[in-house]
C-alpha atoms as a PDB file:
ATOM      1  CA  MET A   1     -32.374 -57.040  61.911  1.00  0.00           C
ATOM      2  CA  ASN A   2     -34.427 -57.363  58.898  1.00  0.00           C
ATOM      3  CA  VAL A   3     -38.436 -56.362  58.434  1.00  0.00           C
ATOM      4  CA  PHE A   4     -39.439 -59.999  59.253  1.00  0.00           C
ATOM      5  CA  ASP A   5     -37.804 -59.456  62.687  1.00  0.00           C
ATOM      6  CA  VAL A   6     -39.957 -56.244  62.970  1.00  0.00           C
ATOM      7  CA  ILE A   7     -43.343 -57.706  61.911  1.00  0.00           C
ATOM      8  CA  GLY A   8     -42.689 -61.142  64.363  1.00  0.00           C
ATOM      9  CA  PRO A   9     -42.974 -64.794  63.374  1.00  0.00           C
ATOM     10  CA  VAL A  10     -45.736 -66.230  61.948  1.00  0.00           C
ATOM     11  CA  MET A  11     -47.175 -68.162  64.643  1.00  0.00           C
ATOM     12  CA  ILE A  12     -50.107 -69.149  67.105  1.00  0.00           C
ATOM     13  CA  GLY A  13     -50.457 -66.214  69.723  1.00  0.00           C
ATOM     14  CA  PRO A  14     -50.860 -64.477  72.061  1.00  0.00           C
ATOM     15  CA  SER A  15     -46.987 -63.614  72.477  1.00  0.00           C
ATOM     16  CA  SER A  16     -44.336 -64.286  70.590  1.00  0.00           C
ATOM     17  CA  SER A  17     -41.939 -64.863  73.620  1.00  0.00           C
ATOM     18  CA  HIS A  18     -44.112 -66.868  75.619  1.00  0.00           C
ATOM     19  CA  THR A  19     -45.792 -68.625  72.839  1.00  0.00           C
ATOM     20  CA  ALA A  20     -43.857 -68.967  69.661  1.00  0.00           C
ATOM     21  CA  GLY A  21     -40.115 -69.040  71.228  1.00  0.00           C
ATOM     22  CA  ALA A  22     -41.561 -71.640  73.751  1.00  0.00           C
ATOM     23  CA  ALA A  23     -42.782 -73.722  71.231  1.00  0.00           C
ATOM     24  CA  ARG A  24     -39.211 -73.517  69.587  1.00  0.00           C
ATOM     25  CA  LEU A  25     -37.440 -74.376  72.825  1.00  0.00           C
ATOM     26  CA  GLY A  26     -39.650 -77.368  72.957  1.00  0.00           C
ATOM     27  CA  ASN A  27     -39.010 -78.418  69.428  1.00  0.00           C
ATOM     28  CA  VAL A  28     -35.321 -77.864  69.585  1.00  0.00           C
ATOM     29  CA  ALA A  29     -35.391 -80.478  72.511  1.00  0.00           C
ATOM     30  CA  ARG A  30     -37.322 -83.178  70.621  1.00  0.00           C
ATOM     31  CA  THR A  31     -34.940 -82.564  67.745  1.00  0.00           C
ATOM     32  CA  VAL A  32     -31.687 -82.903  69.720  1.00  0.00           C
ATOM     33  CA  PHE A  33     -32.800 -85.980  71.982  1.00  0.00           C
ATOM     34  CA  ALA A  34     -33.307 -87.622  68.695  1.00  0.00           C
ATOM     35  CA  LYS A  35     -35.695 -89.959  70.380  1.00  0.00           C
ATOM     36  CA  GLU A  36     -39.319 -90.712  71.033  1.00  0.00           C
ATOM     37  CA  PRO A  37     -39.817 -88.799  74.480  1.00  0.00           C
ATOM     38  CA  LYS A  38     -42.604 -90.405  76.636  1.00  0.00           C
ATOM     39  CA  THR A  39     -42.198 -87.942  79.806  1.00  0.00           C
ATOM     40  CA  ALA A  40     -41.285 -84.373  79.788  1.00  0.00           C
ATOM     41  CA  LYS A  41     -40.421 -82.537  83.005  1.00  0.00           C
ATOM     42  CA  ILE A  42     -40.299 -78.858  82.685  1.00  0.00           C
ATOM     43  CA  GLY A  43     -39.289 -76.330  84.521  1.00  0.00           C
ATOM     44  CA  LEU A  44     -40.139 -72.400  84.380  1.00  0.00           C
ATOM     45  CA  TYR A  45     -38.222 -69.609  85.451  1.00  0.00           C
ATOM     46  CA  GLY A  46     -39.264 -65.993  85.997  1.00  0.00           C
ATOM     47  CA  SER A  47     -41.794 -64.332  83.837  1.00  0.00           C
ATOM     48  CA  PHE A  48     -42.735 -67.956  82.336  1.00  0.00           C
ATOM     49  CA  ALA A  49     -43.306 -69.370  85.879  1.00  0.00           C
ATOM     50  CA  LYS A  50     -45.058 -66.278  86.822  1.00  0.00           C
ATOM     51  CA  THR A  51     -47.545 -65.501  83.491  1.00  0.00           C
ATOM     52  CA  GLY A  52     -46.634 -68.094  81.068  1.00  0.00           C
ATOM     53  CA  ARG A  53     -49.817 -70.363  81.676  1.00  0.00           C
ATOM     54  CA  GLY A  54     -51.895 -67.475  80.988  1.00  0.00           C
ATOM     55  CA  HIS A  55     -49.889 -66.821  77.439  1.00  0.00           C
ATOM     56  CA  GLY A  56     -50.244 -70.595  76.939  1.00  0.00           C
ATOM     57  CA  THR A  57     -46.479 -71.006  77.412  1.00  0.00           C
ATOM     58  CA  ASP A  58     -47.273 -74.626  78.706  1.00  0.00           C
ATOM     59  CA  LYS A  59     -49.175 -75.654  75.615  1.00  0.00           C
ATOM     60  CA  ALA A  60     -46.684 -74.011  73.314  1.00  0.00           C
ATOM     61  CA  LEU A  61     -43.723 -75.996  74.862  1.00  0.00           C
ATOM     62  CA  ILE A  62     -45.684 -79.492  75.103  1.00  0.00           C
ATOM     63  CA  ALA A  63     -46.464 -78.353  71.489  1.00  0.00           C
ATOM     64  CA  GLY A  64     -42.890 -78.042  70.492  1.00  0.00           C
ATOM     65  CA  ILE A  65     -41.897 -81.006  72.163  1.00  0.00           C
ATOM     66  CA  LEU A  66     -44.689 -83.472  70.194  1.00  0.00           C
ATOM     67  CA  GLY A  67     -42.929 -81.689  67.149  1.00  0.00           C
ATOM     68  CA  MET A  68     -45.364 -78.724  66.048  1.00  0.00           C
ATOM     69  CA  PRO A  69     -43.649 -75.693  64.878  1.00  0.00           C
ATOM     70  CA  PRO A  70     -44.780 -72.142  66.261  1.00  0.00           C
ATOM     71  CA  ASP A  71     -47.590 -71.852  63.971  1.00  0.00           C
ATOM     72  CA  ASP A  72     -49.187 -75.038  63.901  1.00  0.00           C
ATOM     73  CA  VAL A  73     -53.025 -74.482  64.803  1.00  0.00           C
ATOM     74  CA  ARG A  74     -52.977 -77.713  67.252  1.00  0.00           C
ATOM     75  CA  ILE A  75     -50.804 -75.602  69.505  1.00  0.00           C
ATOM     76  CA  ARG A  76     -54.031 -74.997  71.892  1.00  0.00           C
ATOM     77  CA  GLU A  77     -54.967 -78.528  71.828  1.00  0.00           C
ATOM     78  CA  SER A  78     -51.496 -80.014  72.550  1.00  0.00           C
ATOM     79  CA  PHE A  79     -52.052 -81.318  75.954  1.00  0.00           C
ATOM     80  CA  GLU A  80     -54.680 -83.373  74.530  1.00  0.00           C
ATOM     81  CA  TYR A  81     -52.497 -84.398  71.649  1.00  0.00           C
ATOM     82  CA  ALA A  82     -49.805 -85.620  74.254  1.00  0.00           C
ATOM     83  CA  LYS A  83     -52.303 -87.623  76.086  1.00  0.00           C
ATOM     84  CA  ALA A  84     -53.167 -89.425  72.971  1.00  0.00           C
ATOM     85  CA  ALA A  85     -49.339 -89.634  71.975  1.00  0.00           C
ATOM     86  CA  GLY A  86     -48.761 -91.383  75.355  1.00  0.00           C
ATOM     87  CA  LEU A  87     -46.258 -88.220  76.433  1.00  0.00           C
ATOM     88  CA  LYS A  88     -46.490 -87.628  80.339  1.00  0.00           C
ATOM     89  CA  PHE A  89     -45.672 -84.204  81.264  1.00  0.00           C
ATOM     90  CA  PHE A  90     -44.868 -82.433  84.572  1.00  0.00           C
ATOM     91  CA  PHE A  91     -44.254 -78.695  85.211  1.00  0.00           C
ATOM     92  CA  GLU A  92     -42.804 -76.976  88.091  1.00  0.00           C
ATOM     93  CA  ASP A  93     -41.443 -73.452  89.288  1.00  0.00           C
ATOM     94  CA  ILE A  94     -37.267 -73.464  89.248  1.00  0.00           C
ATOM     95  CA  ASP A  95     -35.036 -71.041  90.238  1.00  0.00           C
ATOM     96  CA  VAL A  96     -32.143 -70.121  87.702  1.00  0.00           C
ATOM     97  CA  PRO A  97     -29.595 -67.548  89.449  1.00  0.00           C
ATOM     98  CA  GLY A  98     -29.042 -64.626  86.869  1.00  0.00           C
ATOM     99  CA  GLY A  99     -31.030 -66.519  84.279  1.00  0.00           C
ATOM    100  CA  HIS A 100     -33.191 -64.780  81.548  1.00  0.00           C
ATOM    101  CA  PRO A 101     -36.889 -64.083  82.690  1.00  0.00           C
ATOM    102  CA  ASN A 102     -38.305 -66.444  80.175  1.00  0.00           C
ATOM    103  CA  THR A 103     -36.237 -69.742  80.858  1.00  0.00           C
ATOM    104  CA  ALA A 104     -37.385 -73.288  80.335  1.00  0.00           C
ATOM    105  CA  ARG A 105     -35.668 -76.094  81.331  1.00  0.00           C
ATOM    106  CA  ILE A 106     -36.908 -79.338  79.688  1.00  0.00           C
ATOM    107  CA  SER A 107     -36.043 -82.831  80.725  1.00  0.00           C
ATOM    108  CA  LEU A 108     -37.257 -85.873  78.285  1.00  0.00           C
ATOM    109  CA  SER A 109     -36.977 -89.413  78.640  1.00  0.00           C
ATOM    110  CA  ASP A 110     -37.920 -92.374  76.596  1.00  0.00           C
ATOM    111  CA  ASP A 111     -39.001 -95.992  77.661  1.00  0.00           C
ATOM    112  CA  GLU A 112     -35.410 -97.165  76.707  1.00  0.00           C
ATOM    113  CA  GLY A 113     -34.045 -95.233  79.814  1.00  0.00           C
ATOM    114  CA  ASN A 114     -32.617 -92.578  77.819  1.00  0.00           C
ATOM    115  CA  SER A 115     -32.800 -88.788  78.846  1.00  0.00           C
ATOM    116  CA  PHE A 116     -31.770 -85.505  77.928  1.00  0.00           C
ATOM    117  CA  THR A 117     -32.013 -81.998  79.447  1.00  0.00           C
ATOM    118  CA  LEU A 118     -32.032 -78.620  77.553  1.00  0.00           C
ATOM    119  CA  GLU A 119     -32.188 -75.261  79.217  1.00  0.00           C
ATOM    120  CA  GLY A 120     -32.883 -72.020  77.363  1.00  0.00           C
ATOM    121  CA  ALA A 121     -35.025 -68.943  77.093  1.00  0.00           C
ATOM    122  CA  SER A 122     -37.115 -67.017  74.701  1.00  0.00           C
ATOM    123  CA  ILE A 123     -35.338 -63.693  74.311  1.00  0.00           C
ATOM    124  CA  GLY A 124     -38.324 -61.924  72.180  1.00  0.00           C
ATOM    125  CA  GLY A 125     -39.769 -62.039  68.751  1.00  0.00           C
ATOM    126  CA  GLY A 126     -39.573 -66.095  68.598  1.00  0.00           C
ATOM    127  CA  SER A 127     -35.960 -66.036  68.954  1.00  0.00           C
ATOM    128  CA  ILE A 128     -34.347 -68.329  71.562  1.00  0.00           C
ATOM    129  CA  LYS A 129     -30.975 -69.008  73.123  1.00  0.00           C
ATOM    130  CA  VAL A 130     -30.400 -72.603  74.657  1.00  0.00           C
ATOM    131  CA  THR A 131     -27.814 -72.317  76.943  1.00  0.00           C
ATOM    132  CA  LYS A 132     -27.440 -75.970  78.424  1.00  0.00           C
ATOM    133  CA  LEU A 133     -27.487 -79.243  76.673  1.00  0.00           C
ATOM    134  CA  ASP A 134     -27.372 -81.963  79.709  1.00  0.00           C
ATOM    135  CA  ASP A 135     -24.513 -80.641  81.573  1.00  0.00           C
ATOM    136  CA  TYR A 136     -22.789 -78.654  78.955  1.00  0.00           C
ATOM    137  CA  ASP A 137     -22.642 -74.884  78.637  1.00  0.00           C
ATOM    138  CA  VAL A 138     -23.336 -73.710  75.360  1.00  0.00           C
ATOM    139  CA  GLU A 139     -24.638 -70.453  73.328  1.00  0.00           C
ATOM    140  CA  LEU A 140     -26.889 -71.708  70.532  1.00  0.00           C
ATOM    141  CA  SER A 141     -29.857 -69.648  68.508  1.00  0.00           C
ATOM    142  CA  PHE A 142     -30.702 -72.292  66.094  1.00  0.00           C
ATOM    143  CA  GLU A 143     -31.092 -69.948  63.639  1.00  0.00           C
ATOM    144  CA  ILE A 144     -28.124 -71.445  61.598  1.00  0.00           C
ATOM    145  CA  PRO A 145     -27.610 -74.963  60.632  1.00  0.00           C
ATOM    146  CA  THR A 146     -25.857 -76.623  63.672  1.00  0.00           C
ATOM    147  CA  ILE A 147     -23.657 -79.800  64.159  1.00  0.00           C
ATOM    148  CA  VAL A 148     -23.921 -80.964  67.861  1.00  0.00           C
ATOM    149  CA  VAL A 149     -21.081 -83.821  68.235  1.00  0.00           C
ATOM    150  CA  ARG A 150     -20.329 -85.660  71.489  1.00  0.00           C
ATOM    151  CA  HIS A 151     -17.153 -87.131  72.045  1.00  0.00           C
ATOM    152  CA  ILE A 152     -14.142 -88.075  74.149  1.00  0.00           C
ATOM    153  CA  ASP A 153     -11.655 -85.135  74.859  1.00  0.00           C
ATOM    154  CA  TYR A 154      -8.711 -86.486  72.767  1.00  0.00           C
ATOM    155  CA  PRO A 155      -6.279 -84.800  70.714  1.00  0.00           C
ATOM    156  CA  GLY A 156      -7.063 -84.659  66.978  1.00  0.00           C
ATOM    157  CA  VAL A 157     -10.912 -85.203  67.507  1.00  0.00           C
ATOM    158  CA  ILE A 158     -11.720 -81.485  66.992  1.00  0.00           C
ATOM    159  CA  ALA A 159      -9.537 -81.057  63.647  1.00  0.00           C
ATOM    160  CA  ARG A 160     -11.107 -84.586  62.209  1.00  0.00           C
ATOM    161  CA  VAL A 161     -14.471 -83.343  62.444  1.00  0.00           C
ATOM    162  CA  THR A 162     -13.774 -79.740  61.005  1.00  0.00           C
ATOM    163  CA  ASP A 163     -11.720 -81.128  58.316  1.00  0.00           C
ATOM    164  CA  GLU A 164     -14.692 -83.300  57.402  1.00  0.00           C
ATOM    165  CA  LEU A 165     -16.858 -80.246  57.045  1.00  0.00           C
ATOM    166  CA  TYR A 166     -14.283 -78.538  55.016  1.00  0.00           C
ATOM    167  CA  LYS A 167     -14.595 -81.709  52.729  1.00  0.00           C
ATOM    168  CA  SER A 168     -18.332 -80.883  52.435  1.00  0.00           C
ATOM    169  CA  SER A 169     -17.463 -77.239  51.490  1.00  0.00           C
ATOM    170  CA  VAL A 170     -18.838 -75.885  54.793  1.00  0.00           C
ATOM    171  CA  ASN A 171     -17.841 -72.497  55.961  1.00  0.00           C
ATOM    172  CA  ILE A 172     -17.956 -72.669  59.773  1.00  0.00           C
ATOM    173  CA  CYS A 173     -19.356 -69.435  61.366  1.00  0.00           C
ATOM    174  CA  ASN A 174     -19.121 -70.235  65.395  1.00  0.00           C
ATOM    175  CA  PHE A 175     -17.562 -72.733  67.277  1.00  0.00           C
ATOM    176  CA  MET A 176     -17.673 -73.718  71.009  1.00  0.00           C
ATOM    177  CA  LEU A 177     -16.132 -76.568  73.239  1.00  0.00           C
ATOM    178  CA  SER A 178     -17.615 -77.561  76.474  1.00  0.00           C
ATOM    179  CA  ARG A 179     -15.736 -80.465  78.450  1.00  0.00           C
ATOM    180  CA  LYS A 180     -16.490 -82.179  82.217  1.00  0.00           C
ATOM    181  CA  LYS A 181     -12.540 -82.552  82.344  1.00  0.00           C
ATOM    182  CA  LYS A 182      -9.443 -82.969  80.549  1.00  0.00           C
ATOM    183  CA  GLY A 183      -9.441 -86.102  78.743  1.00  0.00           C
ATOM    184  CA  GLY A 184     -13.312 -86.642  79.588  1.00  0.00           C
ATOM    185  CA  ASP A 185     -16.719 -86.501  77.987  1.00  0.00           C
ATOM    186  CA  ALA A 186     -16.939 -83.510  75.641  1.00  0.00           C
ATOM    187  CA  LEU A 187     -19.095 -81.526  73.605  1.00  0.00           C
ATOM    188  CA  MET A 188     -18.587 -79.179  70.513  1.00  0.00           C
ATOM    189  CA  THR A 189     -21.405 -76.835  69.026  1.00  0.00           C
ATOM    190  CA  ILE A 190     -20.586 -75.772  65.015  1.00  0.00           C
ATOM    191  CA  GLY A 191     -22.548 -73.236  63.250  1.00  0.00           C
ATOM    192  CA  MET A 192     -22.449 -73.581  59.781  1.00  0.00           C
ATOM    193  CA  ASP A 193     -23.446 -71.350  56.501  1.00  0.00           C
ATOM    194  CA  SER A 194     -24.835 -74.330  55.119  1.00  0.00           C
ATOM    195  CA  MET A 195     -25.751 -78.109  55.750  1.00  0.00           C
ATOM    196  CA  PRO A 196     -22.993 -80.799  55.152  1.00  0.00           C
ATOM    197  CA  GLU A 197     -23.383 -83.717  52.762  1.00  0.00           C
ATOM    198  CA  LYS A 198     -24.799 -86.894  54.475  1.00  0.00           C
ATOM    199  CA  GLU A 199     -21.771 -88.571  53.420  1.00  0.00           C
ATOM    200  CA  ASN A 200     -19.564 -86.460  55.450  1.00  0.00           C
ATOM    201  CA  ILE A 201     -21.964 -86.444  58.474  1.00  0.00           C
ATOM    202  CA  GLU A 202     -21.341 -90.415  58.348  1.00  0.00           C
ATOM    203  CA  HIS A 203     -17.755 -89.851  58.218  1.00  0.00           C
ATOM    204  CA  ILE A 204     -18.090 -87.760  61.386  1.00  0.00           C
ATOM    205  CA  LYS A 205     -20.336 -90.310  62.961  1.00  0.00           C
ATOM    206  CA  LYS A 206     -17.562 -92.935  62.609  1.00  0.00           C
ATOM    207  CA  LEU A 207     -14.529 -91.088  63.478  1.00  0.00           C
ATOM    208  CA  ASP A 208     -12.532 -92.579  66.748  1.00  0.00           C
ATOM    209  CA  HIS A 209     -13.582 -90.804  70.382  1.00  0.00           C
ATOM    210  CA  VAL A 210     -16.785 -89.539  68.713  1.00  0.00           C
ATOM    211  CA  THR A 211     -19.844 -90.808  70.567  1.00  0.00           C
ATOM    212  CA  GLY A 212     -23.130 -88.967  69.066  1.00  0.00           C
ATOM    213  CA  VAL A 213     -23.732 -86.363  66.224  1.00  0.00           C
ATOM    214  CA  GLU A 214     -26.885 -84.407  65.599  1.00  0.00           C
ATOM    215  CA  VAL A 215     -27.054 -82.055  62.554  1.00  0.00           C
ATOM    216  CA  LEU A 216     -29.709 -79.279  63.024  1.00  0.00           C
ATOM    217  CA  ASP A 217     -31.034 -77.177  60.076  1.00  0.00           C
ATOM    218  CA  ARG A 218     -32.572 -73.929  61.581  1.00  0.00           C
ATOM    219  CA  LEU A 219     -35.442 -74.803  63.720  1.00  0.00           C
END
C-alpha cells in the first residue's frame, strides 16, 4: 500500500467505493465492449442496490459507460449526457449469491446487435475487481496493462500469444484462462508490466483461432 491508497483517489464524491469505483466499472465495461453502447442494463446488488443511489452510484456507472473517469466534473449530470448521446439505460436489483456487497452487472448493446456483459465489484478506495466477462470467470483489477484474448481452445494458441508478447519484451505478471468446454470458445486474460508494441498486437489479432483482442492500459 502506498500513500495514494491511504489518501484515496482523485474523484467526484461522495464515496470512493460507491462513486469512484462505480465509474471505473462503467469505464472498463465500455472499453472492453469496444463499441458505442446504445443500451445499458445495469443490475445492482447488496449495498449498491440499497444505498447506491444516495451515493450517486447510478450516475457514476452511467458516467463510466460514457467514458468519463472518476474525477470528471460531469458525473453528477451523467443522465443528461446519456440522453444527449442516445444511450438508453435501465437499473434493476439483482441477486449475486456470495457476491461482494458493492457488485454491479453491466450489460451493453449497440445498434448492430452486438452485446457484452461485465460483472464486478468496487472493493474500496476506488479499486475494482472484475469477476465475469460475458460468461467467462476472470479476476481482473485493471491496475496494470491487460490483454483480453477471445479464441478457440486449440493447442498452441496460448503459446503463440505469449510468444508475441515476448517479442515485444513484455513481462507477464498474471495469466488466467477460462473456457466453456474443451475445444470450444475460450478467453485468456494476461496482466503485463508494460504495454506491448502495436505491431505485436496486430500479429496476435491475425493468429489462427483468435477471434478478438482488446489491450487495455490501466483504467
